[in-house]
Amino acid sequence: MQTRQDPLTGMDRAGNADLPPSPWRRVAEAVLNLLYPEDCLLCSTPVHRLQDRGVCTQCWGNAVRLCIQPPFCPSCGTPFQQADADAPHLCGACSFHTPPFAGARAFGFYSGELRGLVHSLKFQGRQNLAGRLARLLADAFRQCWRTDEFDLAVPVPLHWRRMLDRGYNQAALLSRPLARLLGLPHSEAALARTKRTPAQVGLSTGERMRNLRGAFRCPRPDLVRGRRVLLVDDVMTTGATVSIAAEALLAEGAVRVSVLTLARTVSGLE
C-alpha cells in the first residue's frame, strides 16, 4: 500500500487504493475457506473470507440501506422528517446552541446491521471491516463536501489507557483508509485525549459535555494551525465528544472543523 509524505507537515498523504490480492493470497484464502469455513459475524451465513470480510451480502446490503438521506440539519446532520423539508433550516438544538464544528454528517443510522458492524469493529476486534466501512464514509463525504475543502483528516483519539485495553483506535482504523480514498493528509498526532471519562451511556448532552470538558488537547499545534480539518469518528450520539474535540482543534488555530462519522444515534432507532 503506497503512501507519500505531505511536504509541509510530514504527515501521511493518500496513495493509491488498495491493490488487488496476489494470486498466492487468493490460493491461500481458498484453502482457508475450504479447511476453516467462516460464517457471517451477524447472521452466521457462510461467507468468503477475502471477498466478504466476514459479512454476508444480505447483511451488508441491509447495513447500506440504513444510509441517512436528506433532508437533515445543515449544521449537525440530524435527519428530518420529510414534512420538515420545505426549506433548509437548523434543527431545534442547533438553533438554540450552534455547535463549534462547521458541519457534521454520518453515513447511516446507528441501528440494525450497521450497529452490529460498528460493534464488531469496536469491541470484537474485527479490524478487517475498517476498509469496507471507510468506503461508506467516503460515499457520505462526497455527498456533502469536496476534497479541496479540506487539508487534513484527524481521528477522534482514545485515552491511552483505553487504547491499551482495546489495542487499537477504531476511529483511526476508519480514518486511515478514508484519507487514502479521499487523497487527504492524515494525522493521528494532531489531537490527543488526556482525560479518561466515565461511560457516557444514558447521560444527557449537558452531562456528557461536563464529563468531556478538557479531555482533548493538540500536542502538535503546527499540524492543525491554518488548516481545514475533517474530524472522523465511528458514532455520533449527542455530539458532545466531537464538539469538545473540535473546540480543542479550533483553539490551536484550525480554520474550520467538520465532522464525519460512520453512524449516528437517532431517537427511536437505537
Protein backbone atom coordinates (compact mmCIF):
# COMPACT_ATOMS: atom_id res chain seq x y z
CA MET A 1 0.00 0.00 0.00
CA GLN A 2 1.76 3.12 -1.20
CA THR A 3 1.84 6.36 0.78
CA ARG A 4 3.74 9.57 0.40
CA GLN A 5 4.50 12.42 2.76
CA ASP A 6 2.97 15.87 2.87
CA PRO A 7 5.95 18.19 2.22
CA LEU A 8 4.66 20.79 4.70
CA THR A 9 3.94 18.59 7.69
CA GLY A 10 5.48 15.17 7.06
CA MET A 11 2.05 13.60 7.55
CA ASP A 12 0.83 10.66 5.51
CA ARG A 13 -0.82 11.61 2.26
CA ALA A 14 -3.02 9.19 0.42
CA GLY A 15 -1.53 6.87 -2.12
CA ASN A 16 -3.35 4.58 -4.50
CA ALA A 17 -6.32 2.47 -3.50
CA ASP A 18 -5.63 -0.96 -2.03
CA LEU A 19 -4.09 -3.23 -4.62
CA PRO A 20 -5.97 -6.42 -5.58
CA PRO A 21 -4.81 -9.53 -3.72
CA SER A 22 -1.95 -11.50 -5.26
CA PRO A 23 -2.59 -14.93 -6.84
CA TRP A 24 -0.80 -16.58 -3.91
CA ARG A 25 -3.08 -14.85 -1.43
CA ARG A 26 -6.11 -15.96 -3.41
CA VAL A 27 -4.90 -19.56 -3.24
CA ALA A 28 -4.24 -19.27 0.50
CA GLU A 29 -7.70 -17.79 1.08
CA ALA A 30 -9.31 -20.58 -0.96
CA VAL A 31 -7.54 -23.22 1.14
CA LEU A 32 -8.56 -21.50 4.37
CA ASN A 33 -12.16 -21.25 3.20
CA LEU A 34 -12.13 -24.96 2.45
CA LEU A 35 -10.49 -26.10 5.68
CA TYR A 36 -11.86 -23.48 8.08
CA PRO A 37 -15.14 -22.08 6.75
CA GLU A 38 -16.13 -18.66 8.10
CA ASP A 39 -19.65 -17.50 8.93
CA CYS A 40 -21.18 -14.04 8.72
CA LEU A 41 -20.49 -12.29 12.00
CA LEU A 42 -24.08 -11.00 12.07
CA CYS A 43 -26.25 -13.91 10.86
CA SER A 44 -23.91 -16.95 10.66
CA THR A 45 -24.39 -17.49 6.90
CA PRO A 46 -21.23 -18.97 5.29
CA VAL A 47 -19.06 -16.26 3.72
CA HIS A 48 -15.86 -15.93 1.71
CA ARG A 49 -13.00 -14.52 3.79
CA LEU A 50 -11.31 -12.49 1.09
CA GLN A 51 -14.35 -11.04 -0.62
CA ASP A 52 -16.81 -10.59 2.23
CA ARG A 53 -14.61 -9.63 5.20
CA GLY A 54 -16.87 -11.68 7.47
CA VAL A 55 -20.19 -10.14 6.37
CA CYS A 56 -22.67 -11.84 4.04
CA THR A 57 -24.16 -9.99 1.08
CA GLN A 58 -27.59 -9.68 2.66
CA CYS A 59 -26.36 -8.23 5.97
CA TRP A 60 -24.06 -5.83 4.14
CA GLY A 61 -26.94 -4.71 1.94
CA ASN A 62 -29.14 -4.17 4.99
CA ALA A 63 -26.41 -2.03 6.56
CA VAL A 64 -26.04 0.07 3.41
CA ARG A 65 -29.81 0.63 3.29
CA LEU A 66 -29.56 2.37 6.67
CA CYS A 67 -27.91 5.30 4.86
CA ILE A 68 -29.19 8.70 6.02
CA GLN A 69 -30.81 10.61 3.17
CA PRO A 70 -31.70 14.33 3.02
CA PRO A 71 -33.31 16.30 4.48
CA PHE A 72 -31.10 16.81 7.51
CA CYS A 73 -29.87 19.70 9.64
CA PRO A 74 -27.12 21.54 7.72
CA SER A 75 -25.21 22.01 10.98
CA CYS A 76 -25.27 18.73 12.93
CA GLY A 77 -26.67 16.40 10.26
CA THR A 78 -29.71 15.28 12.29
CA PRO A 79 -32.19 13.79 9.79
CA PHE A 80 -35.55 15.50 9.49
CA GLN A 81 -38.94 14.02 8.82
CA GLN A 82 -39.97 14.60 5.19
CA ALA A 83 -42.64 17.02 6.41
CA ASP A 84 -39.88 19.30 7.72
CA ALA A 85 -38.14 19.54 4.34
CA ASP A 86 -39.79 22.67 2.96
CA ALA A 87 -36.61 24.76 3.20
CA PRO A 88 -33.10 24.25 4.62
CA HIS A 89 -33.13 25.08 8.33
CA LEU A 90 -31.35 24.25 11.55
CA CYS A 91 -32.71 21.67 13.95
CA GLY A 92 -34.03 22.88 17.30
CA ALA A 93 -30.82 22.03 19.17
CA CYS A 94 -28.57 23.88 16.69
CA SER A 95 -30.95 26.87 16.63
CA PHE A 96 -30.58 27.11 20.40
CA HIS A 97 -26.82 26.47 20.52
CA THR A 98 -24.66 26.44 17.39
CA PRO A 99 -22.04 23.66 17.55
CA PRO A 100 -18.35 24.61 17.28
CA PHE A 101 -17.90 22.44 14.18
CA ALA A 102 -18.87 23.77 10.77
CA GLY A 103 -20.98 20.76 9.88
CA ALA A 104 -21.47 17.11 10.74
CA ARG A 105 -22.53 14.20 8.57
CA ALA A 106 -22.96 10.47 9.18
CA PHE A 107 -23.30 7.65 6.69
CA GLY A 108 -26.22 5.92 8.38
CA PHE A 109 -28.45 5.28 11.35
CA TYR A 110 -26.87 3.57 14.35
CA SER A 111 -29.28 0.67 14.16
CA GLY A 112 -29.67 -2.89 12.91
CA GLU A 113 -26.84 -4.31 10.85
CA LEU A 114 -24.85 -1.08 10.81
CA ARG A 115 -24.83 -1.03 14.59
CA GLY A 116 -23.72 -4.67 14.54
CA LEU A 117 -20.82 -3.85 12.21
CA VAL A 118 -19.72 -0.95 14.40
CA HIS A 119 -19.81 -3.18 17.49
CA SER A 120 -17.83 -5.87 15.67
CA LEU A 121 -15.15 -3.37 14.68
CA LYS A 122 -15.07 -1.62 18.04
CA PHE A 123 -15.50 -4.36 20.61
CA GLN A 124 -14.84 -7.69 18.87
CA GLY A 125 -11.53 -6.96 17.16
CA ARG A 126 -12.87 -7.21 13.60
CA GLN A 127 -10.34 -4.74 12.25
CA ASN A 128 -10.68 -6.20 8.76
CA LEU A 129 -14.05 -4.40 8.49
CA ALA A 130 -12.42 -0.97 8.51
CA GLY A 131 -11.61 -0.80 4.81
CA ARG A 132 -15.17 -1.65 3.69
CA LEU A 133 -16.70 0.71 6.23
CA ALA A 134 -14.33 3.51 5.18
CA ARG A 135 -15.82 3.31 1.69
CA LEU A 136 -19.24 4.07 3.20
CA LEU A 137 -17.70 7.07 4.95
CA ALA A 138 -16.21 8.22 1.64
CA ASP A 139 -19.62 7.98 -0.02
CA ALA A 140 -21.19 10.12 2.73
CA PHE A 141 -18.35 12.64 2.45
CA ARG A 142 -18.72 13.04 -1.31
CA GLN A 143 -22.45 13.70 -0.99
CA CYS A 144 -21.76 16.78 1.13
CA TRP A 145 -18.22 18.06 0.52
CA ARG A 146 -15.37 18.27 -1.95
CA THR A 147 -11.87 17.13 -1.09
CA ASP A 148 -10.44 20.55 -1.93
CA GLU A 149 -12.42 21.96 1.01
CA PHE A 150 -10.14 20.12 3.47
CA ASP A 151 -6.47 19.99 4.32
CA LEU A 152 -6.27 17.23 6.91
CA ALA A 153 -8.15 14.20 8.29
CA VAL A 154 -7.88 13.55 12.05
CA PRO A 155 -9.46 10.68 14.04
CA VAL A 156 -11.03 11.25 17.44
CA PRO A 157 -8.38 9.76 19.77
CA LEU A 158 -8.76 7.31 22.63
CA HIS A 159 -7.26 7.84 26.07
CA TRP A 160 -4.02 5.88 26.32
CA ARG A 161 -5.43 3.52 28.96
CA ARG A 162 -8.40 2.61 26.77
CA MET A 163 -6.04 2.27 23.84
CA LEU A 164 -4.01 -0.26 25.84
CA ASP A 165 -7.16 -2.17 26.81
CA ARG A 166 -8.56 -2.32 23.26
CA GLY A 167 -5.29 -2.44 21.35
CA TYR A 168 -6.42 -0.03 18.63
CA ASN A 169 -8.45 3.10 18.00
CA GLN A 170 -11.49 2.28 15.87
CA ALA A 171 -11.75 5.90 14.67
CA ALA A 172 -8.19 5.74 13.35
CA LEU A 173 -8.88 2.40 11.66
CA LEU A 174 -11.63 4.20 9.73
CA SER A 175 -9.84 7.49 9.10
CA ARG A 176 -6.67 5.99 7.60
CA PRO A 177 -8.31 4.25 4.62
CA LEU A 178 -10.79 7.12 4.32
CA ALA A 179 -7.91 9.59 3.91
CA ARG A 180 -6.39 7.37 1.25
CA LEU A 181 -9.68 7.18 -0.63
CA LEU A 182 -10.12 10.97 -0.49
CA GLY A 183 -6.47 11.87 -1.11
CA LEU A 184 -6.16 13.83 2.13
CA PRO A 185 -3.22 14.10 4.54
CA HIS A 186 -3.85 12.16 7.73
CA SER A 187 -2.52 12.68 11.24
CA GLU A 188 -3.06 10.81 14.50
CA ALA A 189 -0.60 13.14 16.24
CA ALA A 190 -2.70 16.29 15.84
CA LEU A 191 -5.15 15.51 18.65
CA ALA A 192 -4.76 13.63 21.93
CA ARG A 193 -7.17 12.56 24.66
CA THR A 194 -5.73 13.49 28.03
CA LYS A 195 -8.70 12.71 30.27
CA ARG A 196 -10.29 9.30 30.66
CA THR A 197 -14.01 9.94 31.04
CA PRO A 198 -16.55 7.57 32.59
CA ALA A 199 -19.07 5.77 30.39
CA GLN A 200 -21.36 8.22 28.61
CA VAL A 201 -24.28 5.85 28.07
CA GLY A 202 -27.54 7.28 29.42
CA LEU A 203 -26.16 10.77 30.07
CA SER A 204 -27.72 13.95 28.71
CA THR A 205 -25.85 16.23 26.35
CA GLY A 206 -25.04 18.61 29.20
CA GLU A 207 -23.72 15.81 31.40
CA ARG A 208 -21.59 14.48 28.56
CA MET A 209 -20.17 17.95 27.90
CA ARG A 210 -19.22 18.34 31.56
CA ASN A 211 -17.57 14.90 31.57
CA LEU A 212 -15.57 15.74 28.47
CA ARG A 213 -14.51 19.29 29.29
CA GLY A 214 -10.73 19.47 28.97
CA ALA A 215 -10.49 15.91 27.65
CA PHE A 216 -8.66 16.81 24.42
CA ARG A 217 -5.58 18.82 23.51
CA CYS A 218 -3.41 19.38 20.45
CA PRO A 219 0.15 18.23 21.24
CA ARG A 220 1.29 19.47 17.82
CA PRO A 221 -0.50 22.78 17.10
CA ASP A 222 1.65 23.23 13.99
CA LEU A 223 -0.19 20.31 12.38
CA VAL A 224 -3.61 21.99 12.57
CA ARG A 225 -2.85 25.71 12.52
CA GLY A 226 -4.36 27.32 9.43
CA ARG A 227 -5.85 24.04 8.24
CA ARG A 228 -9.38 22.86 7.47
CA VAL A 229 -9.83 19.66 9.43
CA LEU A 230 -12.07 16.66 8.84
CA LEU A 231 -12.66 15.04 12.25
CA VAL A 232 -13.55 11.34 11.96
CA ASP A 233 -15.26 9.06 14.49
CA ASP A 234 -17.28 5.86 14.44
CA VAL A 235 -20.54 7.01 16.08
CA MET A 236 -22.11 10.35 16.94
CA THR A 237 -24.65 10.25 19.74
CA THR A 238 -25.29 13.70 21.24
CA GLY A 239 -22.33 15.35 19.53
CA ALA A 240 -20.62 16.14 22.83
CA THR A 241 -17.39 14.27 22.05
CA VAL A 242 -16.86 15.77 18.61
CA SER A 243 -17.83 19.24 19.91
CA ILE A 244 -15.17 19.20 22.63
CA ALA A 245 -12.62 17.75 20.21
CA ALA A 246 -13.46 20.43 17.62
CA GLU A 247 -13.04 23.15 20.24
CA ALA A 248 -9.55 21.87 21.03
CA LEU A 249 -8.58 21.96 17.34
CA LEU A 250 -10.04 25.43 16.80
CA ALA A 251 -8.30 26.75 19.93
CA GLU A 252 -4.96 25.81 18.38
CA GLY A 253 -5.65 27.59 15.12
CA ALA A 254 -7.61 25.21 12.90
CA VAL A 255 -9.52 27.32 10.38
CA ARG A 256 -12.55 25.04 10.34
CA VAL A 257 -13.52 21.64 11.70
CA SER A 258 -16.15 19.41 10.10
CA VAL A 259 -17.24 16.04 11.46
CA LEU A 260 -17.79 12.75 9.64
CA THR A 261 -18.98 9.60 11.40
CA LEU A 262 -19.99 6.19 10.21
CA ALA A 263 -23.24 6.18 12.15
CA ARG A 264 -25.32 8.41 14.37
CA THR A 265 -27.87 7.74 17.05
CA VAL A 266 -31.37 8.94 16.24
CA SER A 267 -34.14 8.80 18.82
CA GLY A 268 -36.45 5.84 18.28
CA LEU A 269 -33.97 3.89 16.13
CA GLU A 270 -31.47 2.65 18.73
